[in-house]
Amino acid sequence: MFTDCFATMGHMGWLGWLMPLAVLLLLGLGIAALIKYLFSSSKGDRS
């Protein structure tokens, strides 16, 4: 499975490497924003 994925990424060139990295980056930013929102809202409820 991984070999097929790497072969496809190699065929696509730089775009094949950029897309998964961009998806991971957006996913990480989304999770970080969600955690920040949850912590800020819980602090706001206490005060």
N, C-alpha and C. Protein backbone atom coordinates (compact mmCIF):
# COMPACT_ATOMS: atom_id res chain seq x y z
N MET A 1 0.84 -1.20 0.00
CA MET A 1 0.00 0.00 0.00
C MET A 1 0.88 1.26 0.00
N PHE A 2 1.86 1.27 0.89
CA PHE A 2 2.72 2.45 0.96
C PHE A 2 3.56 2.62 -0.30
N THR A 3 3.99 1.50 -0.89
CA THR A 3 4.80 1.58 -2.11
C THR A 3 3.99 2.18 -3.25
N ASP A 4 2.71 1.79 -3.34
CA ASP A 4 1.84 2.37 -4.37
C ASP A 4 1.67 3.87 -4.15
N CYS A 5 1.50 4.24 -2.88
CA CYS A 5 1.31 5.66 -2.54
C CYS A 5 2.56 6.45 -2.91
N PHE A 6 3.73 5.93 -2.55
CA PHE A 6 4.97 6.63 -2.85
C PHE A 6 5.23 6.70 -4.35
N ALA A 7 4.85 5.64 -5.07
CA ALA A 7 5.02 5.64 -6.53
C ALA A 7 4.15 6.72 -7.16
N THR A 8 2.91 6.83 -6.67
CA THR A 8 2.00 7.86 -7.19
C THR A 8 2.53 9.26 -6.86
N MET A 9 3.01 9.43 -5.63
CA MET A 9 3.55 10.73 -5.23
C MET A 9 4.78 11.08 -6.06
N GLY A 10 5.61 10.09 -6.37
CA GLY A 10 6.79 10.32 -7.19
C GLY A 10 6.41 10.70 -8.61
N HIS A 11 5.36 10.09 -9.12
CA HIS A 11 4.89 10.40 -10.47
C HIS A 11 4.36 11.83 -10.56
N MET A 12 3.66 12.28 -9.52
CA MET A 12 3.06 13.61 -9.54
C MET A 12 4.10 14.71 -9.33
N GLY A 13 5.27 14.34 -8.82
CA GLY A 13 6.31 15.33 -8.60
C GLY A 13 6.09 16.09 -7.30
N TRP A 14 6.40 17.39 -7.30
CA TRP A 14 6.31 18.18 -6.06
C TRP A 14 4.88 18.31 -5.57
N LEU A 15 3.91 18.27 -6.48
CA LEU A 15 2.51 18.39 -6.07
C LEU A 15 2.09 17.18 -5.24
N GLY A 16 2.61 16.01 -5.59
CA GLY A 16 2.30 14.79 -4.85
C GLY A 16 2.81 14.83 -3.42
N TRP A 17 3.89 15.56 -3.19
CA TRP A 17 4.40 15.70 -1.82
C TRP A 17 3.76 16.87 -1.10
N LEU A 18 3.35 17.89 -1.85
CA LEU A 18 2.79 19.09 -1.23
C LEU A 18 1.38 18.85 -0.71
N MET A 19 0.57 18.11 -1.47
CA MET A 19 -0.82 17.89 -1.08
C MET A 19 -0.99 17.19 0.27
N PRO A 20 -0.34 16.05 0.51
CA PRO A 20 -0.49 15.40 1.82
C PRO A 20 0.02 16.28 2.96
N LEU A 21 1.12 17.00 2.72
CA LEU A 21 1.65 17.88 3.75
C LEU A 21 0.68 19.01 4.05
N ALA A 22 0.04 19.56 3.00
CA ALA A 22 -0.94 20.63 3.20
C ALA A 22 -2.14 20.11 3.98
N VAL A 23 -2.58 18.90 3.67
CA VAL A 23 -3.72 18.31 4.39
C VAL A 23 -3.37 18.10 5.86
N LEU A 24 -2.17 17.59 6.13
CA LEU A 24 -1.75 17.38 7.51
C LEU A 24 -1.63 18.71 8.25
N LEU A 25 -1.12 19.73 7.56
CA LEU A 25 -0.98 21.05 8.17
C LEU A 25 -2.35 21.64 8.53
N LEU A 26 -3.29 21.56 7.58
CA LEU A 26 -4.64 22.07 7.85
C LEU A 26 -5.30 21.29 8.97
N LEU A 27 -5.11 19.98 9.00
CA LEU A 27 -5.68 19.15 10.04
C LEU A 27 -5.11 19.54 11.41
N GLY A 28 -3.79 19.75 11.46
CA GLY A 28 -3.15 20.15 12.70
C GLY A 28 -3.62 21.52 13.18
N LEU A 29 -3.75 22.45 12.25
CA LEU A 29 -4.23 23.78 12.61
C LEU A 29 -5.67 23.73 13.10
N GLY A 30 -6.49 22.90 12.46
CA GLY A 30 -7.89 22.75 12.87
C GLY A 30 -7.99 22.18 14.28
N ILE A 31 -7.18 21.17 14.56
CA ILE A 31 -7.20 20.56 15.89
C ILE A 31 -6.69 21.55 16.94
N ALA A 32 -5.64 22.30 16.60
CA ALA A 32 -5.10 23.29 17.53
C ALA A 32 -6.13 24.38 17.81
N ALA A 33 -6.84 24.82 16.77
CA ALA A 33 -7.86 25.85 16.95
C ALA A 33 -9.01 25.32 17.81
N LEU A 34 -9.38 24.07 17.60
CA LEU A 34 -10.46 23.46 18.38
C LEU A 34 -10.07 23.36 19.85
N ILE A 35 -8.84 22.91 20.12
CA ILE A 35 -8.37 22.81 21.50
C ILE A 35 -8.31 24.18 22.15
N LYS A 36 -7.80 25.17 21.42
CA LYS A 36 -7.71 26.53 21.94
C LYS A 36 -9.10 27.08 22.26
N TYR A 37 -10.06 26.80 21.37
CA TYR A 37 -11.44 27.26 21.57
C TYR A 37 -12.05 26.59 22.80
N LEU A 38 -11.83 25.29 22.94
CA LEU A 38 -12.40 24.57 24.08
C LEU A 38 -11.81 25.07 25.40
N PHE A 39 -10.50 25.30 25.43
CA PHE A 39 -9.87 25.78 26.66
C PHE A 39 -10.28 27.21 26.98
N SER A 40 -10.40 28.06 25.96
CA SER A 40 -10.77 29.45 26.21
C SER A 40 -12.23 29.55 26.65
N SER A 41 -13.11 28.70 26.11
CA SER A 41 -14.51 28.75 26.50
C SER A 41 -14.70 28.22 27.91
N SER A 42 -13.91 27.21 28.31
CA SER A 42 -14.04 26.67 29.66
C SER A 42 -13.53 27.68 30.69
N LYS A 43 -12.47 28.44 30.32
CA LYS A 43 -11.98 29.47 31.23
C LYS A 43 -13.01 30.60 31.34
N GLY A 44 -13.68 30.91 30.26
CA GLY A 44 -14.67 31.97 30.27
C GLY A 44 -15.88 31.61 31.13
N ASP A 45 -16.21 30.33 31.19
CA ASP A 45 -17.36 29.91 31.99
C ASP A 45 -17.07 30.02 33.48
N ARG A 46 -15.82 29.79 33.87
CA ARG A 46 -15.49 29.82 35.29
C ARG A 46 -15.53 31.23 35.86
N SER A 47 -15.11 32.21 35.09
CA SER A 47 -15.00 33.57 35.63
C SER A 47 -16.32 34.31 35.61
